[in-house]
């Protein structure tokens, strides 16, 4: 099975590359060169038939990922499919199914069938839930269980998978020695750490990395190297455990590229404003320029209920420093499973951050869209303002009858500055 990376290395422009070139308004040959260098990834499993591919990294627009999925405490697959629809309608560029409850196989397949954007998963969740249901303990799984989960997800058409290969025994030992406040906040990372400490063995995802890459190459699934030791609070940011894992991910990036597998590298969760730039620059250097998929970062620990805002602030700063892919955060973060409205608000907050970064990077289309909005405001063109807004639905709802009346808004009324000095 050839992959998009192998095709690029061989100098062959594929239909997937052509689609991305048209979407980004860049030359097809440029897409090929970026893909071959590794600074760009195009998650596109051939089994995902409804997919409209998106490129991540390099000079491309900053992308936004949204998460959905059931849990053991809340299992409503129809609700998750409504969230998928909300993600797509709100303009997300990718979606991850993080399900840990109910018929995960059927929901995953249905998400792939319905999604026009790339779909990602975390296969170890699948393996852990099966272990919990069979043995009462999510860590009572084997290396074979983990590999089987990756294979099943790949066969179902998933475009990228997060695997916590950098959570090694030595990295976990560093967590213990440094006395982290929040220890390990990644579900996958915590499961692997508990497994290794009980079994006294190395992480199978690290030890059997070549086997893992063979599965991904066979189905052209992009590997998202998960940050299982990401900081879960500001006090843990940029600590030895996080950096130790990052160094390992840099080594694994090269091995994946050598195997013909595309790579995205995940980044930290909670980082104070003044450390974000250094984190991104360091990640890019240690991981050889691979696309950086950043989880937030959240710039304060006390924004509960508003973490879509704390995440968007961090995402904008990270994007300015070179991050390529923003994983949204919803208002429900740290509190509960998000509802449909949480999902929509999370996507929009991250899209605002991504668009602001695109403007700062000199993206012509992004700049022209803002200019068009300004001209519509100057002429009191309400329909034009709706069409250029990132969230037309919200704008139309707030304008109400004003759209038809074409008058000043209720803020200024007859004192509208646009009318007073025209």
Protein backbone atom coordinates (compact mmCIF):
# COMPACT_ATOMS: atom_id res chain seq x y z
CA UNK A 1 0.00 0.00 0.00
CA UNK A 2 1.43 3.38 -1.00
CA UNK A 3 0.87 6.42 1.17
CA UNK A 4 0.61 10.13 0.41
CA UNK A 5 4.11 10.52 1.82
CA UNK A 6 5.55 7.74 -0.33
CA UNK A 7 3.86 9.21 -3.40
CA UNK A 8 5.36 12.62 -2.60
CA UNK A 9 8.82 11.15 -2.13
CA UNK A 10 8.45 9.46 -5.52
CA UNK A 11 7.39 12.75 -7.11
CA UNK A 12 3.80 11.70 -7.86
CA UNK A 13 1.02 14.27 -7.37
CA UNK A 14 -2.13 12.50 -6.15
CA UNK A 15 -5.79 13.53 -6.28
CA UNK A 16 -5.59 14.18 -2.53
CA UNK A 17 -2.69 16.59 -3.06
CA UNK A 18 -4.60 18.32 -5.87
CA UNK A 19 -7.62 18.78 -3.62
CA UNK A 20 -5.50 20.34 -0.87
CA UNK A 21 -3.70 22.57 -3.38
CA UNK A 22 -7.03 23.92 -4.62
CA UNK A 23 -8.33 24.41 -1.07
CA UNK A 24 -5.20 26.29 0.03
CA UNK A 25 -4.80 28.10 -3.31
CA UNK A 26 -1.21 26.91 -3.73
CA UNK A 27 0.62 25.08 -6.51
CA UNK A 28 0.26 21.28 -6.61
CA UNK A 29 4.02 20.83 -6.84
CA UNK A 30 4.43 22.93 -3.71
CA UNK A 31 2.07 20.62 -1.81
CA UNK A 32 4.11 17.63 -2.98
CA UNK A 33 7.37 19.21 -1.83
CA UNK A 34 5.95 20.14 1.58
CA UNK A 35 4.54 16.67 2.08
CA UNK A 36 7.83 15.03 1.12
CA UNK A 37 9.71 17.25 3.59
CA UNK A 38 7.39 16.27 6.44
CA UNK A 39 6.42 19.82 7.40
CA UNK A 40 2.93 19.12 6.07
CA UNK A 41 0.60 16.17 6.65
CA UNK A 42 -2.61 15.27 4.84
CA UNK A 43 -4.58 12.73 6.91
CA UNK A 44 -6.55 10.80 4.28
CA UNK A 45 -7.35 7.11 4.70
CA UNK A 46 -8.49 5.74 1.30
CA UNK A 47 -11.34 3.95 3.10
CA UNK A 48 -12.83 7.27 4.20
CA UNK A 49 -15.00 7.77 1.12
CA UNK A 50 -16.80 11.00 2.13
CA UNK A 51 -13.55 12.79 2.95
CA UNK A 52 -12.67 16.24 1.64
CA UNK A 53 -8.95 16.26 2.56
CA UNK A 54 -7.30 18.99 4.61
CA UNK A 55 -3.59 19.74 4.78
CA UNK A 56 -1.98 20.58 8.13
CA UNK A 57 1.27 22.47 8.60
CA UNK A 58 3.70 24.61 6.65
CA UNK A 59 2.18 27.66 4.93
CA UNK A 60 -1.35 26.26 5.05
CA UNK A 61 -4.10 27.94 7.05
CA UNK A 62 -4.19 27.02 10.74
CA UNK A 63 -6.61 24.14 11.22
CA UNK A 64 -9.06 23.41 14.05
CA UNK A 65 -9.97 20.01 15.49
CA UNK A 66 -13.11 19.25 17.50
CA UNK A 67 -13.66 16.30 19.84
CA UNK A 68 -16.75 14.22 20.42
CA UNK A 69 -17.52 10.78 21.82
CA UNK A 70 -19.42 8.80 24.41
CA UNK A 71 -18.24 7.96 27.92
CA UNK A 72 -18.98 5.18 30.37
CA UNK A 73 -21.09 7.70 32.30
CA UNK A 74 -22.90 9.19 29.29
CA UNK A 75 -23.60 7.02 26.27
CA UNK A 76 -25.88 8.59 23.65
CA UNK A 77 -24.59 7.87 20.13
CA UNK A 78 -27.29 10.01 18.49
CA UNK A 79 -26.14 12.98 20.53
CA UNK A 80 -22.55 12.41 19.39
CA UNK A 81 -23.68 12.34 15.76
CA UNK A 82 -25.46 15.65 16.34
CA UNK A 83 -22.18 16.99 17.69
CA UNK A 84 -20.45 15.78 14.53
CA UNK A 85 -22.95 17.73 12.45
CA UNK A 86 -22.42 20.79 14.66
CA UNK A 87 -18.63 20.49 14.23
CA UNK A 88 -18.88 20.43 10.46
CA UNK A 89 -21.44 23.25 10.31
CA UNK A 90 -19.30 25.40 12.61
CA UNK A 91 -16.32 24.98 10.27
CA UNK A 92 -14.07 22.49 12.06
CA UNK A 93 -11.29 21.05 9.89
CA UNK A 94 -11.11 17.68 11.65
CA UNK A 95 -12.91 15.72 14.34
CA UNK A 96 -11.77 13.12 16.85
CA UNK A 97 -14.06 10.38 18.18
CA UNK A 98 -12.87 9.81 21.75
CA UNK A 99 -15.63 7.37 22.69
CA UNK A 100 -15.24 5.20 25.77
CA UNK A 101 -18.78 3.85 26.14
CA UNK A 102 -21.45 1.87 24.30
CA UNK A 103 -20.96 0.36 20.85
CA UNK A 104 -17.78 2.23 20.02
CA UNK A 105 -17.17 0.29 16.80
CA UNK A 106 -20.53 1.17 15.28
CA UNK A 107 -20.33 4.82 16.31
CA UNK A 108 -16.80 5.15 14.91
CA UNK A 109 -17.86 3.65 11.59
CA UNK A 110 -20.89 5.92 11.43
CA UNK A 111 -18.75 8.97 12.17
CA UNK A 112 -16.40 8.01 9.33
CA UNK A 113 -19.37 7.42 6.99
CA UNK A 114 -20.90 10.82 7.74
CA UNK A 115 -17.83 13.01 8.15
CA UNK A 116 -16.53 15.10 5.25
CA UNK A 117 -13.55 16.17 7.35
CA UNK A 118 -10.66 13.99 8.61
CA UNK A 119 -11.50 11.70 11.53
CA UNK A 120 -9.08 10.84 14.31
CA UNK A 121 -9.27 8.41 17.24
CA UNK A 122 -7.28 7.21 20.25
CA UNK A 123 -7.24 3.40 19.84
CA UNK A 124 -6.00 2.69 23.37
CA UNK A 125 -9.34 3.97 24.69
CA UNK A 126 -11.02 1.19 22.73
CA UNK A 127 -8.62 -1.45 24.07
CA UNK A 128 -8.93 -0.15 27.65
CA UNK A 129 -12.73 -0.19 27.64
CA UNK A 130 -12.73 -3.76 26.35
CA UNK A 131 -10.36 -4.72 29.17
CA UNK A 132 -12.57 -2.95 31.70
CA UNK A 133 -15.71 -4.73 30.46
CA UNK A 134 -14.01 -8.13 30.42
CA UNK A 135 -11.80 -7.90 33.52
CA UNK A 136 -12.99 -4.89 35.51
CA UNK A 137 -9.72 -2.98 35.06
CA UNK A 138 -8.89 -0.78 32.03
CA UNK A 139 -5.16 -1.44 32.44
CA UNK A 140 -5.49 -5.24 32.19
CA UNK A 141 -4.72 -5.24 28.49
CA UNK A 142 -1.85 -6.53 26.37
CA UNK A 143 0.35 -5.18 23.64
CA UNK A 144 -1.63 -7.30 21.19
CA UNK A 145 -4.84 -5.64 22.40
CA UNK A 146 -3.35 -2.24 21.62
CA UNK A 147 -2.15 -3.25 18.16
CA UNK A 148 -5.49 -4.89 17.34
CA UNK A 149 -7.32 -1.68 18.26
CA UNK A 150 -5.06 0.37 15.96
CA UNK A 151 -5.65 -2.11 13.13
CA UNK A 152 -9.44 -2.07 13.53
CA UNK A 153 -9.57 1.72 13.54
CA UNK A 154 -7.40 1.87 10.43
CA UNK A 155 -9.60 -0.66 8.66
CA UNK A 156 -12.67 1.40 9.55
CA UNK A 157 -11.30 4.39 7.64
CA UNK A 158 -9.92 6.57 10.42
CA UNK A 159 -7.53 9.19 8.98
CA UNK A 160 -5.24 9.77 11.96
CA UNK A 161 -4.68 8.10 15.33
CA UNK A 162 -3.21 9.44 18.53
CA UNK A 163 -0.78 6.97 20.11
CA UNK A 164 1.20 7.71 23.26
CA UNK A 165 4.46 6.13 22.16
CA UNK A 166 6.62 8.58 24.10
CA UNK A 167 5.31 7.55 27.50
CA UNK A 168 8.23 5.28 28.32
CA UNK A 169 9.28 3.77 31.65
CA UNK A 170 12.04 6.32 32.07
CA UNK A 171 9.68 9.20 31.29
CA UNK A 172 7.16 7.95 33.86
CA UNK A 173 9.96 7.63 36.41
CA UNK A 174 10.70 11.30 35.80
CA UNK A 175 7.08 12.14 36.62
CA UNK A 176 7.43 10.31 39.94
CA UNK A 177 10.73 11.98 40.82
CA UNK A 178 9.71 15.55 40.04
CA UNK A 179 6.50 15.52 42.10
CA UNK A 180 4.11 16.97 39.57
CA UNK A 181 0.99 18.70 40.88
CA UNK A 182 -1.38 16.98 38.42
CA UNK A 183 0.79 13.94 37.66
CA UNK A 184 -0.54 12.52 34.32
CA UNK A 185 -3.75 14.07 32.94
CA UNK A 186 -3.78 12.20 29.62
CA UNK A 187 -6.14 9.22 29.83
CA UNK A 188 -3.99 7.22 27.43
CA UNK A 189 -0.80 8.28 29.17
CA UNK A 190 -2.12 7.36 32.62
CA UNK A 191 -3.28 3.92 31.44
CA UNK A 192 0.10 3.15 29.93
CA UNK A 193 1.97 4.43 32.99
CA UNK A 194 -0.13 2.27 35.32
CA UNK A 195 0.33 -0.73 33.01
CA UNK A 196 4.11 -0.34 32.90
CA UNK A 197 4.44 0.05 36.66
CA UNK A 198 2.33 -3.06 37.27
CA UNK A 199 3.92 -5.23 34.57
CA UNK A 200 7.47 -3.97 34.93
CA UNK A 201 7.71 -3.78 31.14
CA UNK A 202 8.22 -1.12 28.50
CA UNK A 203 5.33 0.62 26.73
CA UNK A 204 4.23 -1.73 23.89
CA UNK A 205 3.49 1.25 21.64
CA UNK A 206 7.14 2.25 21.97
CA UNK A 207 8.66 -1.23 22.04
CA UNK A 208 6.63 -2.40 19.01
CA UNK A 209 6.77 0.92 17.16
CA UNK A 210 7.88 -0.62 13.87
CA UNK A 211 4.90 -2.99 13.93
CA UNK A 212 2.62 -0.05 14.65
CA UNK A 213 4.04 1.84 11.67
CA UNK A 214 3.44 -1.15 9.41
CA UNK A 215 -0.27 -1.07 10.24
CA UNK A 216 -0.50 2.67 9.65
CA UNK A 217 1.43 2.51 6.38
CA UNK A 218 -0.81 -0.28 5.07
CA UNK A 219 -3.88 1.96 5.43
CA UNK A 220 -2.21 5.37 4.97
CA UNK A 221 -3.17 6.52 8.45
CA UNK A 222 -1.31 9.54 9.80
CA UNK A 223 0.30 9.06 13.20
CA UNK A 224 -0.40 11.74 15.77
CA UNK A 225 2.31 11.32 18.38
CA UNK A 226 0.39 12.02 21.57
CA UNK A 227 1.73 14.08 24.46
CA UNK A 228 0.79 11.67 27.21
CA UNK A 229 2.86 13.65 29.73
CA UNK A 230 1.49 17.07 28.84
CA UNK A 231 1.20 19.49 31.77
CA UNK A 232 -2.24 19.53 33.37
CA UNK A 233 -1.65 22.82 35.17
CA UNK A 234 0.57 25.88 34.85
CA UNK A 235 2.85 24.68 37.64
CA UNK A 236 3.77 21.57 35.59
CA UNK A 237 4.44 23.38 32.29
CA UNK A 238 7.77 22.84 30.55
CA UNK A 239 8.93 20.43 33.23
CA UNK A 240 11.45 17.57 32.84
CA UNK A 241 8.79 14.93 32.15
CA UNK A 242 7.18 16.94 29.34
CA UNK A 243 10.56 17.66 27.75
CA UNK A 244 11.77 14.06 28.11
CA UNK A 245 8.73 12.81 26.22
CA UNK A 246 9.18 15.50 23.57
CA UNK A 247 12.74 14.37 22.86
CA UNK A 248 11.48 10.80 22.37
CA UNK A 249 8.74 12.05 20.01
CA UNK A 250 11.39 13.75 17.90
CA UNK A 251 13.20 10.43 17.45
CA UNK A 252 9.94 8.65 16.63
CA UNK A 253 9.05 11.30 14.05
CA UNK A 254 12.07 10.42 11.94
CA UNK A 255 11.37 6.70 12.21
CA UNK A 256 7.81 7.21 11.00
CA UNK A 257 8.94 9.32 8.06
CA UNK A 258 11.50 6.65 7.13
CA UNK A 259 8.64 4.11 7.13
CA UNK A 260 6.55 6.25 4.75
CA UNK A 261 4.08 7.33 7.44
CA UNK A 262 2.92 10.93 7.84
CA UNK A 263 3.38 12.55 11.26
CA UNK A 264 1.66 15.13 13.43
CA UNK A 265 3.09 15.85 16.89
CA UNK A 266 0.87 16.87 19.78
CA UNK A 267 1.77 19.61 22.22
CA UNK A 268 1.16 20.76 25.80
CA UNK A 269 -2.13 21.48 27.53
CA UNK A 270 -1.67 24.12 30.28
CA UNK A 271 1.08 26.69 29.64
CA UNK A 272 1.45 30.26 30.96
CA UNK A 273 1.49 32.98 28.31
CA UNK A 274 5.18 33.73 28.62
CA UNK A 275 6.21 30.09 28.01
CA UNK A 276 4.08 29.34 24.95
CA UNK A 277 6.45 30.72 22.30
CA UNK A 278 9.41 28.78 23.69
CA UNK A 279 7.35 25.58 23.85
CA UNK A 280 6.37 25.81 20.19
CA UNK A 281 9.86 26.70 18.97
CA UNK A 282 11.36 23.85 21.00
CA UNK A 283 8.80 21.36 19.71
CA UNK A 284 9.40 22.36 16.11
CA UNK A 285 13.14 22.02 16.51
CA UNK A 286 13.15 18.70 18.35
CA UNK A 287 10.53 17.21 16.00
CA UNK A 288 12.21 18.40 12.80
CA UNK A 289 9.46 20.79 11.69
CA UNK A 290 6.63 18.24 11.78
CA UNK A 291 3.14 19.78 12.04
CA UNK A 292 2.37 20.80 15.61
CA UNK A 293 -1.08 19.85 16.97
CA UNK A 294 -1.58 21.86 20.14
CA UNK A 295 -4.12 21.10 22.85
CA UNK A 296 -5.15 24.65 23.80
CA UNK A 297 -2.90 25.58 25.45
CA UNK A 298 -4.88 26.86 28.41
CA UNK A 299 -3.26 29.98 29.81
CA UNK A 300 -4.81 29.82 33.27
CA UNK A 301 -6.12 27.05 35.50
CA UNK A 302 -9.09 28.98 36.90
CA UNK A 303 -11.16 29.55 33.74
CA UNK A 304 -13.61 26.71 34.45
CA UNK A 305 -16.76 27.28 32.42
CA UNK A 306 -14.84 29.57 30.05
CA UNK A 307 -11.96 27.36 28.98
CA UNK A 308 -12.92 27.80 25.32
CA UNK A 309 -11.64 31.35 25.88
CA UNK A 310 -8.50 30.42 27.83
CA UNK A 311 -7.73 27.87 25.10
CA UNK A 312 -8.33 30.33 22.26
CA UNK A 313 -5.97 32.86 23.85
CA UNK A 314 -3.26 30.21 24.11
CA UNK A 315 -4.00 28.90 20.63
CA UNK A 316 -3.56 32.33 19.06
CA UNK A 317 -0.18 32.83 20.73
CA UNK A 318 0.90 29.30 19.83
CA UNK A 319 -0.15 29.85 16.21
CA UNK A 320 1.90 33.04 16.06
CA UNK A 321 4.89 30.98 17.24
CA UNK A 322 4.34 28.31 14.56
CA UNK A 323 1.65 25.86 15.76
CA UNK A 324 -0.35 24.42 12.87
CA UNK A 325 -3.37 22.64 14.31
CA UNK A 326 -5.51 23.81 17.25
CA UNK A 327 -7.50 21.27 19.24
CA UNK A 328 -10.56 23.08 20.49
CA UNK A 329 -11.51 23.39 24.12
CA UNK A 330 -15.17 23.76 25.09
CA UNK A 331 -16.81 25.61 28.01
CA UNK A 332 -17.36 22.17 29.57
CA UNK A 333 -13.64 21.35 29.80
CA UNK A 334 -12.73 19.96 33.26
CA UNK A 335 -16.43 19.88 34.17
CA UNK A 336 -18.52 17.51 32.05
CA UNK A 337 -19.07 15.92 28.67
CA UNK A 338 -19.85 18.81 26.29
CA UNK A 339 -23.28 19.27 24.74
CA UNK A 340 -23.98 20.38 21.17
CA UNK A 341 -23.83 24.08 22.03
CA UNK A 342 -20.54 23.60 23.90
CA UNK A 343 -19.12 21.95 20.78
CA UNK A 344 -20.22 24.82 18.55
CA UNK A 345 -18.80 27.45 20.90
CA UNK A 346 -15.55 25.54 21.24
CA UNK A 347 -15.11 25.33 17.47
CA UNK A 348 -15.89 29.02 16.98
CA UNK A 349 -13.46 30.15 19.70
CA UNK A 350 -10.63 28.14 18.13
CA UNK A 351 -11.58 29.30 14.62
CA UNK A 352 -11.32 32.91 15.76
CA UNK A 353 -7.83 32.19 17.10
CA UNK A 354 -6.82 30.35 13.91
CA UNK A 355 -8.15 33.12 11.67
CA UNK A 356 -6.32 35.78 13.66
CA UNK A 357 -3.10 33.80 13.18
CA UNK A 358 -3.74 33.43 9.44
CA UNK A 359 -4.02 37.23 9.17
CA UNK A 360 -0.77 37.71 11.08
CA UNK A 361 0.96 35.22 8.77
CA UNK A 362 -0.05 37.24 5.73
CA UNK A 363 -2.77 34.98 4.35
CA UNK A 364 -4.38 37.06 1.61
CA UNK A 365 -7.82 35.45 1.75
CA UNK A 366 -8.04 35.94 5.52
CA UNK A 367 -7.10 39.63 5.21
CA UNK A 368 -9.57 40.23 2.39
CA UNK A 369 -12.40 38.65 4.37
CA UNK A 370 -11.83 41.06 7.26
CA UNK A 371 -11.63 44.01 4.88
CA UNK A 372 -14.91 42.99 3.24
CA UNK A 373 -16.57 42.81 6.67
CA UNK A 374 -15.33 46.32 7.50
CA UNK A 375 -16.73 47.74 4.27
CA UNK A 376 -20.11 46.15 5.01
CA UNK A 377 -20.10 47.72 8.48
CA UNK A 378 -19.28 51.13 7.02
CA UNK A 379 -22.22 50.91 4.61
CA UNK A 380 -24.59 49.29 7.16
CA UNK A 381 -24.86 46.25 4.89
CA UNK A 382 -26.32 43.75 7.35
CA UNK A 383 -26.57 40.84 4.91
CA UNK A 384 -22.95 41.41 3.93
CA UNK A 385 -21.90 41.34 7.57
CA UNK A 386 -23.71 38.03 8.00
CA UNK A 387 -22.05 36.48 4.98
CA UNK A 388 -18.51 37.46 6.04
CA UNK A 389 -18.86 36.53 9.71
CA UNK A 390 -17.19 33.38 11.04
CA UNK A 391 -20.53 32.44 12.63
CA UNK A 392 -23.35 33.70 10.35
CA UNK A 393 -25.99 31.89 12.42
CA UNK A 394 -25.10 33.82 15.59
CA UNK A 395 -24.98 37.15 13.75
CA UNK A 396 -28.37 36.64 12.12
CA UNK A 397 -29.96 35.66 15.42
CA UNK A 398 -28.66 38.77 17.16
CA UNK A 399 -29.65 41.12 14.34
CA UNK A 400 -33.17 39.76 14.15
CA UNK A 401 -35.47 42.11 12.23
CA UNK A 402 -32.64 44.60 11.66
CA UNK A 403 -31.57 42.51 8.69
CA UNK A 404 -34.73 43.51 6.85
CA UNK A 405 -34.92 47.07 8.21
CA UNK A 406 -31.35 47.97 7.13
CA UNK A 407 -31.14 50.53 9.96
CA UNK A 408 -28.62 51.26 12.67
CA UNK A 409 -28.20 48.75 15.48
CA UNK A 410 -29.65 49.16 18.98
CA UNK A 411 -26.28 50.09 20.48
CA UNK A 412 -26.08 53.60 18.96
CA UNK A 413 -29.43 54.12 17.25
CA UNK A 414 -29.57 57.58 15.67
CA UNK A 415 -26.10 58.32 17.06
CA UNK A 416 -24.52 55.74 14.73
CA UNK A 417 -20.99 56.95 13.94
CA UNK A 418 -21.20 55.52 10.44
CA UNK A 419 -24.19 57.78 9.77
CA UNK A 420 -23.09 60.87 11.67
CA UNK A 421 -19.84 61.12 9.67
CA UNK A 422 -20.39 59.50 6.29
